[in-house]
Protein backbone atom coordinates (compact mmCIF):
# COMPACT_ATOMS: atom_id res chain seq x y z
CA MET A 1 125.28 90.62 95.24
CA THR A 2 124.23 94.72 94.54
CA PRO A 3 125.71 97.70 95.75
CA PHE A 4 123.09 97.94 98.45
CA ASP A 5 123.78 94.80 100.23
CA ASP A 6 126.36 96.88 102.55
CA LEU A 7 124.49 99.42 103.29
CA MET A 8 120.79 97.36 104.43
CA ASP A 9 123.31 95.52 105.94
CA TYR A 10 124.49 98.91 107.93
CA ASP A 11 120.96 100.25 108.04
CA ARG A 12 120.15 96.54 110.20
CA TRP A 13 123.53 97.34 112.66
CA ALA A 14 122.55 100.86 113.46
CA ASN A 15 118.44 99.98 113.61
CA ALA A 16 119.72 97.24 115.89
CA LEU A 17 121.76 99.24 118.04
CA VAL A 18 118.91 102.14 118.10
CA LEU A 19 116.04 99.70 119.19
CA GLU A 20 119.08 98.57 122.12
CA ALA A 21 119.75 102.07 123.22
CA ALA A 22 115.68 102.71 124.00
CA SER A 23 114.61 99.28 125.39
CA ARG A 24 117.13 101.00 128.17
CA LEU A 25 114.43 103.29 128.70
CA THR A 26 111.45 102.98 131.02
CA ALA A 27 108.48 103.44 129.92
CA GLU A 28 107.17 107.06 130.82
CA GLN A 29 110.61 107.74 128.92
CA LEU A 30 109.94 105.65 125.85
CA LEU A 31 106.27 107.89 125.34
CA ARG A 32 107.20 110.72 126.68
CA PRO A 33 106.36 113.57 123.63
CA LEU A 34 110.28 115.53 123.14
CA GLY A 35 108.47 117.84 120.43
CA SER A 36 109.71 115.77 117.51
CA SER A 37 108.93 114.57 114.29
CA PHE A 38 106.67 111.97 115.65
CA GLY A 39 106.66 113.37 118.86
CA SER A 40 108.27 110.29 121.27
CA VAL A 41 110.95 107.61 121.29
CA ARG A 42 108.72 104.72 120.94
CA ASP A 43 106.51 107.04 117.67
CA THR A 44 109.75 107.68 115.76
CA LEU A 45 110.66 104.17 116.43
CA VAL A 46 107.71 102.45 115.37
CA HIS A 47 107.49 105.34 111.59
CA THR A 48 111.04 104.16 110.81
CA LEU A 49 109.80 100.69 110.77
CA TRP A 50 106.76 101.53 109.25
CA ALA A 51 108.78 103.34 106.43
CA GLU A 52 111.34 100.10 106.24
CA TRP A 53 108.15 98.00 106.14
CA LEU A 54 105.73 99.83 103.55
CA TRP A 55 109.10 100.51 101.02
CA LEU A 56 109.98 96.83 101.66
CA GLU A 57 106.35 95.82 100.76
CA ARG A 58 107.09 98.25 97.50
CA TRP A 59 109.81 96.42 95.83
CA GLU A 60 107.62 93.22 96.17
CA GLY A 61 105.04 94.80 93.88
CA ARG A 62 102.65 95.62 96.45
CA SER A 63 101.40 99.18 97.32
CA PRO A 64 99.80 99.11 100.96
CA ARG A 65 97.73 102.20 102.24
CA ASP A 66 97.97 100.59 105.97
CA VAL A 67 99.62 103.26 108.56
CA PHE A 68 101.81 101.89 111.87
CA ASP A 69 99.68 102.96 114.81
CA PRO A 70 102.42 103.30 117.32
CA ALA A 71 100.27 101.63 120.57
CA SER A 72 100.17 98.67 118.39
CA TYR A 73 103.71 98.75 119.55
CA PRO A 74 103.48 99.45 123.37
CA ASP A 75 107.32 99.00 124.31
CA VAL A 76 110.67 97.90 122.55
CA PRO A 77 110.97 93.95 121.76
CA ALA A 78 107.65 94.73 120.41
CA ILE A 79 109.27 97.26 118.22
CA GLY A 80 112.16 95.18 117.51
CA ASP A 81 109.85 91.33 116.58
CA ARG A 82 108.39 93.57 113.88
CA TRP A 83 111.58 95.10 112.35
CA ALA A 84 113.26 91.33 112.70
CA ASP A 85 110.76 90.43 109.94
CA VAL A 86 110.88 92.92 108.30
CA GLU A 87 114.23 92.81 107.87
CA ALA A 88 114.44 88.88 107.22
CA ARG A 89 112.06 89.62 104.53
CA ARG A 90 114.32 92.89 103.05
CA SER A 91 117.77 90.47 103.26
CA ALA A 92 115.18 87.68 101.19
CA LEU A 93 114.46 90.18 98.94
CA LEU A 94 118.04 91.52 98.51
CA ALA A 95 118.63 87.42 98.17
CA ARG A 96 116.90 87.29 95.28
CA LEU A 97 118.99 90.44 92.93
CA VAL A 98 120.86 90.84 90.59
CA PRO A 99 123.44 93.00 89.46
CA GLY A 100 122.30 95.70 88.03
CA MET A 101 118.66 95.08 89.36
CA GLU A 102 118.76 97.63 90.67
CA ARG A 103 118.05 100.21 87.78
CA ARG A 104 115.08 98.45 87.28
CA ARG A 105 112.21 101.29 87.02
CA GLN A 106 109.21 100.27 89.70
CA SER A 107 106.02 102.49 90.56
CA TYR A 108 103.82 101.92 93.34
CA VAL A 109 100.98 103.89 94.06
CA ASN A 110 100.98 105.81 97.32
CA ALA A 111 98.65 106.96 100.09
CA ARG A 112 97.08 108.91 98.42
CA GLY A 113 96.64 107.03 94.78
CA GLU A 114 99.17 108.86 93.01
CA ARG A 115 101.30 106.61 91.01
CA TRP A 116 105.33 107.49 91.09
CA GLU A 117 108.12 105.39 89.95
CA TYR A 118 111.27 105.35 90.57
CA THR A 119 114.41 103.02 89.96
CA LEU A 120 115.01 100.14 92.28
CA GLY A 121 118.26 101.97 93.56
CA GLU A 122 116.76 105.66 94.02
CA MET A 123 113.66 103.76 96.63
CA MET A 124 116.48 101.52 98.21
CA GLN A 125 118.84 105.58 98.53
CA HIS A 126 116.36 106.66 99.91
CA LEU A 127 115.08 104.43 102.62
CA LEU A 128 117.92 104.94 103.52
CA MET A 129 118.71 108.08 104.24
CA HIS A 130 114.89 108.43 105.80
CA SER A 131 116.28 105.32 108.16
CA ALA A 132 119.38 107.62 109.10
CA TYR A 133 117.55 110.67 109.32
CA HIS A 134 115.16 109.50 111.92
CA ARG A 135 117.20 107.86 114.15
CA GLY A 136 119.88 110.39 114.18
CA GLN A 137 116.03 111.68 115.72
CA VAL A 138 116.09 108.81 118.23
CA VAL A 139 119.25 110.04 118.89
CA THR A 140 118.63 113.52 119.69
CA MET A 141 115.48 112.25 121.99
CA LEU A 142 117.73 109.94 124.02
CA ARG A 143 119.83 112.78 124.43
CA GLN A 144 117.47 114.56 125.83
CA LEU A 145 115.79 111.81 127.76
CA GLU A 146 120.49 111.56 129.09
CA ALA A 147 119.95 108.09 128.08
CA ALA A 148 123.09 106.35 126.35
CA VAL A 149 123.54 106.97 122.76
CA PRO A 150 124.61 104.81 120.57
CA THR A 151 127.23 105.57 117.46
CA THR A 152 125.19 104.66 114.07
CA ASP A 153 128.21 106.02 112.10
CA TYR A 154 129.11 104.29 109.08
CA LEU A 155 132.75 103.57 109.54
CA VAL A 156 132.47 102.02 113.01
CA TYR A 157 130.15 99.42 111.58
CA VAL A 158 133.46 99.25 109.63
CA ASP A 159 134.86 98.87 112.18
CA ALA A 160 132.87 96.33 114.09
CA LYS A 161 132.54 94.25 110.95
CA GLY A 162 135.94 94.19 110.93
CA ALA A 163 137.85 91.38 109.36
CA SER A 164 135.18 88.71 109.98
CA GLY A 165 133.25 90.65 107.98
CA GLU A 166 129.86 90.41 110.35
CA ALA A 167 128.84 93.50 112.19
């Protein structure tokens, strides 16, 4: 077990809450440009999904240059299906890690062909913060659309896990 297991589970839990809230939007609301970093709720969700996929690919030793096209994900179920696959692969990767592996240095090549190197733990921390940032944007957009918003605070996750250990 690594220090990141619980935080990655929190990430999965928070993503599910945001996807559930987005699933209640109309198609027009999902695609409405709201002036955020990626424009719409759908586009921001797809960007976050893509980043989680990209970092997983890098952790597995690949350096893809693909960028997900939001148009390939017309609705929340399409986004959720792909996210479930990414999260299942990530869970499998975490299950293979042993304590201390988060300190292993690993390199990748970005879309510009530049080589970067960080510890696995630094890359995981980056992913977690990146996803939290964009989930916050989605929550703001949901408020702009006067939709119900989820609470994704980490301590809410801890309480939801409770004694059962599952959130």
